[in-house]
């Protein structure tokens, strides 16, 4: 499956409620109450002004075999159903800047 483009837009509207925002490293994201997720190019032009927008793509499944992938997909339930209420968004920025080794 090819990588899927995703847009996460935070603000006063959105399908997902935000319980908390925690920063571990780097600049914090602005506090928000709601989050909307767009798949593909639909999130490239928003008709509202979000507090922040994160764009990315799903990663390759390079750490699982075909059999493991098929078993996971067979059990995976879609988002958007009534039982899918909690979620975690962990934004990670990749950088070409290399930190010197510690120690």
C-alpha atoms as a PDB file:
ATOM      1  CA  UNK A   1       0.000   0.000   0.000  1.00  0.00           C
ATOM      2  CA  UNK A   2       1.479   3.411  -0.952  1.00  0.00           C
ATOM      3  CA  UNK A   3       1.928   6.081   1.737  1.00  0.00           C
ATOM      4  CA  UNK A   4      -1.233   8.051   2.545  1.00  0.00           C
ATOM      5  CA  UNK A   5      -1.084  11.857   2.855  1.00  0.00           C
ATOM      6  CA  UNK A   6      -2.717  13.131   6.053  1.00  0.00           C
ATOM      7  CA  UNK A   7      -3.559  16.609   7.361  1.00  0.00           C
ATOM      8  CA  UNK A   8      -4.324  17.242  11.041  1.00  0.00           C
ATOM      9  CA  UNK A   9      -6.003  20.618  11.628  1.00  0.00           C
ATOM     10  CA  UNK A  10      -6.667  21.850  15.166  1.00  0.00           C
ATOM     11  CA  UNK A  11      -9.066  24.531  16.303  1.00  0.00           C
ATOM     12  CA  UNK A  12     -12.575  25.114  17.614  1.00  0.00           C
ATOM     13  CA  UNK A  13     -14.144  22.615  15.184  1.00  0.00           C
ATOM     14  CA  UNK A  14     -13.333  19.027  14.322  1.00  0.00           C
ATOM     15  CA  UNK A  15     -14.499  15.451  14.720  1.00  0.00           C
ATOM     16  CA  UNK A  16     -12.045  14.661  17.524  1.00  0.00           C
ATOM     17  CA  UNK A  17     -12.038  16.242  21.007  1.00  0.00           C
ATOM     18  CA  UNK A  18      -8.614  17.085  22.425  1.00  0.00           C
ATOM     19  CA  UNK A  19      -8.181  16.162  26.106  1.00  0.00           C
ATOM     20  CA  UNK A  20      -4.641  17.449  26.489  1.00  0.00           C
ATOM     21  CA  UNK A  21      -1.525  18.504  24.624  1.00  0.00           C
ATOM     22  CA  UNK A  22       1.871  17.588  26.078  1.00  0.00           C
ATOM     23  CA  UNK A  23       5.251  18.691  24.742  1.00  0.00           C
ATOM     24  CA  UNK A  24       8.223  16.403  25.307  1.00  0.00           C
ATOM     25  CA  UNK A  25      10.786  18.256  23.179  1.00  0.00           C
ATOM     26  CA  UNK A  26      10.779  21.177  20.784  1.00  0.00           C
ATOM     27  CA  UNK A  27       8.298  23.992  20.384  1.00  0.00           C
ATOM     28  CA  UNK A  28       4.839  23.283  21.848  1.00  0.00           C
ATOM     29  CA  UNK A  29       1.687  23.229  19.757  1.00  0.00           C
ATOM     30  CA  UNK A  30      -0.954  25.829  20.607  1.00  0.00           C
ATOM     31  CA  UNK A  31      -3.709  24.559  22.911  1.00  0.00           C
ATOM     32  CA  UNK A  32      -6.843  23.444  21.092  1.00  0.00           C
ATOM     33  CA  UNK A  33     -10.192  21.852  21.830  1.00  0.00           C
ATOM     34  CA  UNK A  34     -10.916  19.987  18.576  1.00  0.00           C
ATOM     35  CA  UNK A  35      -9.013  18.219  15.780  1.00  0.00           C
ATOM     36  CA  UNK A  36     -10.004  17.275  12.239  1.00  0.00           C
ATOM     37  CA  UNK A  37      -8.159  14.682  10.143  1.00  0.00           C
ATOM     38  CA  UNK A  38      -8.143  14.812   6.344  1.00  0.00           C
ATOM     39  CA  UNK A  39      -6.885  12.008   4.095  1.00  0.00           C
ATOM     40  CA  UNK A  40      -5.292  12.717   0.743  1.00  0.00           C
ATOM     41  CA  UNK A  41      -5.331  16.164  -0.818  1.00  0.00           C
ATOM     42  CA  UNK A  42      -8.618  17.271   0.786  1.00  0.00           C
ATOM     43  CA  UNK A  43      -6.722  18.915   3.648  1.00  0.00           C
ATOM     44  CA  UNK A  44      -4.533  21.016   1.388  1.00  0.00           C
ATOM     45  CA  UNK A  45      -7.119  23.832   1.198  1.00  0.00           C
ATOM     46  CA  UNK A  46      -8.924  24.473   4.460  1.00  0.00           C
ATOM     47  CA  UNK A  47     -11.950  26.776   4.490  1.00  0.00           C
ATOM     48  CA  UNK A  48     -11.327  27.829   8.121  1.00  0.00           C
ATOM     49  CA  UNK A  49      -8.368  29.139  10.139  1.00  0.00           C
ATOM     50  CA  UNK A  50      -7.012  26.362  12.376  1.00  0.00           C
ATOM     51  CA  UNK A  51      -4.753  27.024  15.375  1.00  0.00           C
ATOM     52  CA  UNK A  52      -2.196  24.717  13.769  1.00  0.00           C
ATOM     53  CA  UNK A  53      -1.887  22.260  10.890  1.00  0.00           C
ATOM     54  CA  UNK A  54       0.332  19.193  10.680  1.00  0.00           C
ATOM     55  CA  UNK A  55       0.863  17.428   7.367  1.00  0.00           C
ATOM     56  CA  UNK A  56       2.539  14.104   6.824  1.00  0.00           C
ATOM     57  CA  UNK A  57       2.343  10.663   5.313  1.00  0.00           C
ATOM     58  CA  UNK A  58       1.950   7.189   6.693  1.00  0.00           C
ATOM     59  CA  UNK A  59       5.201   5.269   6.972  1.00  0.00           C
ATOM     60  CA  UNK A  60       6.243   2.191   5.086  1.00  0.00           C
ATOM     61  CA  UNK A  61       5.452  -1.088   6.801  1.00  0.00           C
ATOM     62  CA  UNK A  62       9.024  -2.235   6.573  1.00  0.00           C
ATOM     63  CA  UNK A  63       9.127  -3.953   9.952  1.00  0.00           C
ATOM     64  CA  UNK A  64       6.406  -6.540   9.352  1.00  0.00           C
ATOM     65  CA  UNK A  65       6.192  -9.512   7.032  1.00  0.00           C
ATOM     66  CA  UNK A  66       3.326  -9.939   4.553  1.00  0.00           C
ATOM     67  CA  UNK A  67       1.721 -12.542   6.848  1.00  0.00           C
ATOM     68  CA  UNK A  68       1.926 -10.163   9.843  1.00  0.00           C
ATOM     69  CA  UNK A  69       0.513  -7.296   7.750  1.00  0.00           C
ATOM     70  CA  UNK A  70      -2.426  -9.383   6.533  1.00  0.00           C
ATOM     71  CA  UNK A  71      -3.200 -10.539  10.101  1.00  0.00           C
ATOM     72  CA  UNK A  72      -3.192  -6.930  11.374  1.00  0.00           C
ATOM     73  CA  UNK A  73      -5.419  -5.671   8.538  1.00  0.00           C
ATOM     74  CA  UNK A  74      -7.892  -8.503   9.132  1.00  0.00           C
ATOM     75  CA  UNK A  75      -8.368  -7.331  12.763  1.00  0.00           C
ATOM     76  CA  UNK A  76      -8.121  -3.582  12.199  1.00  0.00           C
ATOM     77  CA  UNK A  77     -11.380  -1.684  12.581  1.00  0.00           C
ATOM     78  CA  UNK A  78     -11.994   1.577  10.700  1.00  0.00           C
ATOM     79  CA  UNK A  79     -11.950   5.003  12.325  1.00  0.00           C
ATOM     80  CA  UNK A  80     -15.189   6.930  12.573  1.00  0.00           C
ATOM     81  CA  UNK A  81     -17.215   4.258  14.354  1.00  0.00           C
ATOM     82  CA  UNK A  82     -18.892   5.063  17.692  1.00  0.00           C
ATOM     83  CA  UNK A  83     -16.429   2.922  19.691  1.00  0.00           C
ATOM     84  CA  UNK A  84     -13.406   4.779  18.252  1.00  0.00           C
ATOM     85  CA  UNK A  85     -13.242   7.596  20.767  1.00  0.00           C
ATOM     86  CA  UNK A  86      -9.700   7.675  22.239  1.00  0.00           C
ATOM     87  CA  UNK A  87      -6.626   8.272  20.106  1.00  0.00           C
ATOM     88  CA  UNK A  88      -3.087   9.617  20.445  1.00  0.00           C
ATOM     89  CA  UNK A  89      -1.374  11.908  17.964  1.00  0.00           C
ATOM     90  CA  UNK A  90       2.397  11.928  18.310  1.00  0.00           C
ATOM     91  CA  UNK A  91       3.892  14.441  15.869  1.00  0.00           C
ATOM     92  CA  UNK A  92       7.535  13.807  15.058  1.00  0.00           C
ATOM     93  CA  UNK A  93       9.629  16.120  12.925  1.00  0.00           C
ATOM     94  CA  UNK A  94      12.519  14.614  11.033  1.00  0.00           C
ATOM     95  CA  UNK A  95      15.572  16.792  10.733  1.00  0.00           C
ATOM     96  CA  UNK A  96      18.786  16.579   8.761  1.00  0.00           C
ATOM     97  CA  UNK A  97      20.631  18.166  11.672  1.00  0.00           C
ATOM     98  CA  UNK A  98      22.621  15.514  13.519  1.00  0.00           C
ATOM     99  CA  UNK A  99      23.242  15.879  17.233  1.00  0.00           C
ATOM    100  CA  UNK A 100      26.734  14.963  18.457  1.00  0.00           C
ATOM    101  CA  UNK A 101      26.829  11.753  20.516  1.00  0.00           C
ATOM    102  CA  UNK A 102      26.531  12.250  24.272  1.00  0.00           C
ATOM    103  CA  UNK A 103      29.202  10.896  26.592  1.00  0.00           C
END
